[in-house]
Amino acid sequence: MNNLNILTISIGMIKKFSLLLLVMAIASSSLLAQSSDSENTSINKPLRSDVGIVGITANFNALNKFTYKGKQSLQKTDGSTFEIELRDVRTMSPHLGVGFEILGSFVSGGTRGFALDGWGVGPVVRAYPFETTTWQPYGEMDLLLGNDMGLGELANTNNEGKGFRSRRGIRLGLAYRFQNKYGFFVEGGYEWEGDRLFQTDARALQLNLGFDLYLFN
C-alpha cells in the first residue's frame, strides 16, 4: 500500500473519530437536559483534590512530524497504524494530578486486517496552572514502558519499533468541559522512544484528540 493510500485511510479514521466525538457530545447534552434541577446547579464545578479524570485519546500517524535517528532504513508494511490511549488521572489538588495510562497500538488493513500491534503502560503527571472550570489548559509528562509500541512511523514498519520500548512525553493540552461530567480535549507535544529506558532512536511531534469523563465524589 503506497503512502497516499495510507494517508487516505488515516484521514478516514480521523473523520470517524470526529463523528464519534460529535455523537458523544449530542448524547451527553440529551442526558443533561433530562437531569434534575439540583444536578444542573452543579455544572462546571471547579477541579479540587480527589477528582477522577478518565480520558481516551486517539493519535494518528498522519498528524505527526516524525524523526528516526537509527541507522537502518524503514521498510513500510501494508497496513496503517494508529494509537489509542486510556488515562486515569486523580487530582491531588486543583493544580496537580497523578495517574496512569495504557496504550494500544493498532494496525488496520493489509494481511493482518485490524489487530493489536503493540502496547504500553506507565505513570502520568499533569499540572493545571489555572483554577478554571469550563476551559482547562494543562501540561503533562508521561512515561510508557511496553512492547512493539513503535513511535510514529515506526509502528507501520517491518524492521523497527519491536521488542521492549520506552517512551517519554511532554504535552500541552486544552480541555473543554461542556457539562459537569463530560468534556473533550486536544493536546500536542514531543515524545521520545528507544529500546532502553532513557535511550532515544526516534521522536515525534504528536497531535492527540480525546474525550474526558470527570468523576466528582
Protein backbone atom coordinates (compact mmCIF):
# COMPACT_ATOMS: atom_id res chain seq x y z
CA MET A 1 0.00 0.00 0.00
CA ASN A 2 1.52 3.36 -1.01
CA ASN A 3 1.79 6.46 1.16
CA LEU A 4 -1.26 8.08 -0.50
CA ASN A 5 -3.49 5.12 0.41
CA ILE A 6 -2.15 5.08 3.98
CA LEU A 7 -2.85 8.81 4.31
CA THR A 8 -6.35 8.30 2.91
CA ILE A 9 -7.06 5.56 5.48
CA SER A 10 -5.73 7.77 8.31
CA ILE A 11 -7.88 10.73 7.23
CA GLY A 12 -10.89 8.41 7.11
CA MET A 13 -10.17 7.29 10.68
CA ILE A 14 -9.93 10.94 11.79
CA LYS A 15 -13.35 11.66 10.29
CA LYS A 16 -14.85 8.62 12.02
CA PHE A 17 -13.34 9.60 15.38
CA SER A 18 -14.57 13.20 14.98
CA LEU A 19 -18.06 11.88 14.22
CA LEU A 20 -17.86 9.69 17.34
CA LEU A 21 -16.97 12.73 19.46
CA LEU A 22 -19.93 14.62 17.99
CA VAL A 23 -22.31 11.74 18.76
CA MET A 24 -20.97 11.58 22.32
CA ALA A 25 -21.49 15.33 22.72
CA ILE A 26 -25.09 15.13 21.48
CA ALA A 27 -25.85 12.14 23.69
CA SER A 28 -24.32 13.85 26.72
CA SER A 29 -26.33 17.01 26.05
CA SER A 30 -29.51 14.91 25.97
CA LEU A 31 -28.63 13.35 29.30
CA LEU A 32 -28.03 16.80 30.73
CA ALA A 33 -31.42 18.04 29.54
CA GLN A 34 -33.09 15.12 31.32
CA SER A 35 -31.24 15.65 34.60
CA SER A 36 -32.84 17.30 37.64
CA ASP A 37 -32.54 20.95 38.61
CA SER A 38 -30.31 20.01 41.51
CA GLU A 39 -27.89 18.35 39.13
CA ASN A 40 -27.97 21.33 36.78
CA THR A 41 -26.81 23.63 39.56
CA SER A 42 -23.59 21.59 39.82
CA ILE A 43 -22.49 22.27 36.21
CA ASN A 44 -18.86 23.37 35.86
CA LYS A 45 -17.64 22.50 39.32
CA PRO A 46 -14.05 23.63 39.78
CA LEU A 47 -11.38 20.97 39.97
CA ARG A 48 -10.30 20.15 43.52
CA SER A 49 -8.49 17.37 45.30
CA ASP A 50 -9.73 13.81 44.71
CA VAL A 51 -11.41 14.33 41.31
CA GLY A 52 -11.02 11.49 38.84
CA ILE A 53 -10.46 12.26 35.15
CA VAL A 54 -10.72 9.30 32.79
CA GLY A 55 -9.74 10.10 29.22
CA ILE A 56 -9.49 8.23 25.94
CA THR A 57 -7.13 9.57 23.27
CA ALA A 58 -6.70 8.79 19.59
CA ASN A 59 -3.44 9.54 17.78
CA PHE A 60 -2.99 9.16 14.03
CA ASN A 61 0.41 8.91 12.35
CA ALA A 62 -0.74 11.20 9.51
CA LEU A 63 -0.81 14.10 12.02
CA ASN A 64 2.74 13.53 13.30
CA LYS A 65 6.06 15.09 12.44
CA PHE A 66 8.40 12.11 12.75
CA THR A 67 12.19 11.84 13.04
CA TYR A 68 14.02 8.50 13.02
CA LYS A 69 17.55 8.57 14.45
CA GLY A 70 18.55 4.96 13.79
CA LYS A 71 20.82 3.63 11.07
CA GLN A 72 18.53 1.08 9.45
CA SER A 73 16.10 2.06 6.71
CA LEU A 74 12.37 1.81 7.40
CA GLN A 75 10.52 -0.84 5.42
CA LYS A 76 6.84 0.00 5.22
CA THR A 77 4.20 -2.60 5.96
CA ASP A 78 0.94 -2.83 4.00
CA GLY A 79 -1.18 -1.52 6.88
CA SER A 80 -1.95 1.80 8.53
CA THR A 81 -1.30 2.17 12.26
CA PHE A 82 -2.91 4.37 14.91
CA GLU A 83 -2.80 4.53 18.71
CA ILE A 84 -5.44 4.69 21.43
CA GLU A 85 -4.58 5.72 25.00
CA LEU A 86 -6.70 5.32 28.12
CA ARG A 87 -5.68 7.61 31.00
CA ASP A 88 -6.86 7.72 34.59
CA VAL A 89 -5.74 10.86 36.44
CA ARG A 90 -6.64 11.70 40.03
CA THR A 91 -6.25 15.32 41.19
CA MET A 92 -4.13 15.76 44.31
CA SER A 93 -5.03 19.47 44.35
CA PRO A 94 -6.70 21.93 41.93
CA HIS A 95 -3.29 22.31 40.22
CA LEU A 96 -1.83 18.77 40.26
CA GLY A 97 -2.97 15.34 39.11
CA VAL A 98 -1.22 11.96 39.00
CA GLY A 99 -2.29 8.68 37.48
CA PHE A 100 -1.51 6.09 34.83
CA GLU A 101 -2.10 5.43 31.15
CA ILE A 102 -2.46 2.35 28.95
CA LEU A 103 -1.58 2.49 25.24
CA GLY A 104 -2.65 0.19 22.44
CA SER A 105 -1.05 0.43 19.01
CA PHE A 106 -3.35 -0.98 16.31
CA VAL A 107 -2.77 -1.92 12.68
CA SER A 108 -5.60 -1.62 10.17
CA GLY A 109 -5.56 -3.08 6.67
CA GLY A 110 -3.14 -5.35 4.87
CA THR A 111 -2.82 -9.06 5.50
CA ARG A 112 -3.45 -8.77 9.25
CA GLY A 113 -6.66 -6.79 9.00
CA PHE A 114 -7.42 -5.00 12.28
CA ALA A 115 -5.15 -6.19 15.10
CA LEU A 116 -3.27 -5.08 18.22
CA ASP A 117 0.28 -4.28 17.14
CA GLY A 118 1.84 -3.15 20.43
CA TRP A 119 1.10 -1.97 23.96
CA GLY A 120 2.47 0.15 26.80
CA VAL A 121 1.67 1.22 30.36
CA GLY A 122 3.11 3.85 32.71
CA PRO A 123 2.63 6.86 35.03
CA VAL A 124 1.25 10.32 34.20
CA VAL A 125 1.79 13.67 35.97
CA ARG A 126 -0.45 16.59 34.99
CA ALA A 127 -0.34 20.27 36.04
CA TYR A 128 -3.21 22.78 35.81
CA PRO A 129 -1.79 26.34 36.04
CA PHE A 130 -5.22 27.97 36.42
CA GLU A 131 -8.23 27.10 38.56
CA THR A 132 -10.71 27.22 35.67
CA THR A 133 -13.97 25.32 35.18
CA THR A 134 -15.03 25.19 31.52
CA TRP A 135 -11.75 25.72 29.62
CA GLN A 136 -8.83 23.93 31.29
CA PRO A 137 -5.29 24.35 29.93
CA TYR A 138 -2.76 21.87 31.27
CA GLY A 139 0.72 20.45 30.91
CA GLU A 140 1.56 16.77 31.18
CA MET A 141 4.54 14.45 31.44
CA ASP A 142 4.29 10.69 30.93
CA LEU A 143 6.41 7.55 30.72
CA LEU A 144 5.35 4.41 28.86
CA LEU A 145 7.04 1.01 29.08
CA GLY A 146 5.84 -1.67 26.71
CA ASN A 147 6.37 -3.92 23.75
CA ASP A 148 6.29 -3.19 19.98
CA MET A 149 4.95 0.34 20.54
CA GLY A 150 6.85 1.91 17.63
CA LEU A 151 6.65 5.70 17.86
CA GLY A 152 5.09 7.46 14.90
CA GLU A 153 6.01 5.87 11.57
CA LEU A 154 7.93 3.09 13.33
CA ALA A 155 4.62 1.44 14.15
CA ASN A 156 4.00 0.96 10.44
CA THR A 157 7.31 -0.74 9.55
CA ASN A 158 8.64 -4.28 9.45
CA ASN A 159 12.05 -3.84 11.00
CA GLU A 160 11.88 -1.23 13.78
CA GLY A 161 9.94 -0.41 16.93
CA LYS A 162 9.78 -4.06 18.02
CA GLY A 163 10.53 -5.66 21.38
CA PHE A 164 10.87 -3.65 24.61
CA ARG A 165 10.30 0.08 24.12
CA SER A 166 10.45 3.07 26.47
CA ARG A 167 8.60 6.30 25.60
CA ARG A 168 8.78 9.67 27.34
CA GLY A 169 6.46 12.53 26.50
CA ILE A 170 5.79 16.20 27.27
CA ARG A 171 2.43 17.61 26.17
CA LEU A 172 0.42 20.80 26.34
CA GLY A 173 -3.33 20.45 26.19
CA LEU A 174 -6.62 22.30 26.36
CA ALA A 175 -9.74 20.60 27.72
CA TYR A 176 -13.30 21.86 27.35
CA ARG A 177 -15.95 20.62 29.79
CA PHE A 178 -19.32 21.03 28.08
CA GLN A 179 -21.10 19.74 31.16
CA ASN A 180 -20.07 18.78 34.65
CA LYS A 181 -19.08 15.19 33.89
CA TYR A 182 -18.05 15.21 30.23
CA GLY A 183 -15.61 17.07 28.03
CA PHE A 184 -13.18 16.76 25.17
CA PHE A 185 -9.61 17.90 24.64
CA VAL A 186 -6.86 18.46 22.13
CA GLU A 187 -3.18 18.17 23.03
CA GLY A 188 0.19 18.10 21.38
CA GLY A 189 3.85 17.75 22.22
CA TYR A 190 7.09 15.88 21.72
CA GLU A 191 7.60 12.21 22.53
CA TRP A 192 10.86 10.27 22.54
CA GLU A 193 11.21 6.50 22.27
CA GLY A 194 14.00 3.91 22.40
CA ASP A 195 14.78 0.29 23.15
CA ARG A 196 16.31 1.19 26.53
CA LEU A 197 14.87 3.16 29.43
CA PHE A 198 16.47 6.54 28.63
CA GLN A 199 17.84 5.90 25.14
CA THR A 200 16.21 7.51 22.09
CA ASP A 201 16.18 6.29 18.50
CA ALA A 202 13.00 8.12 17.39
CA ARG A 203 10.97 11.18 18.27
CA ALA A 204 7.72 12.65 17.02
CA LEU A 205 5.65 15.80 17.39
CA GLN A 206 2.22 14.32 18.05
CA LEU A 207 -1.31 15.72 17.99
CA ASN A 208 -3.95 13.92 20.04
CA LEU A 209 -7.73 14.25 20.19
CA GLY A 210 -9.73 12.84 23.07
CA PHE A 211 -12.76 12.63 25.32
CA ASP A 212 -12.86 13.04 29.14
CA LEU A 213 -15.10 11.71 31.89
CA TYR A 214 -14.96 13.65 35.20
CA LEU A 215 -15.70 11.76 38.43
CA PHE A 216 -16.64 14.09 41.29
CA ASN A 217 -17.09 12.48 44.70
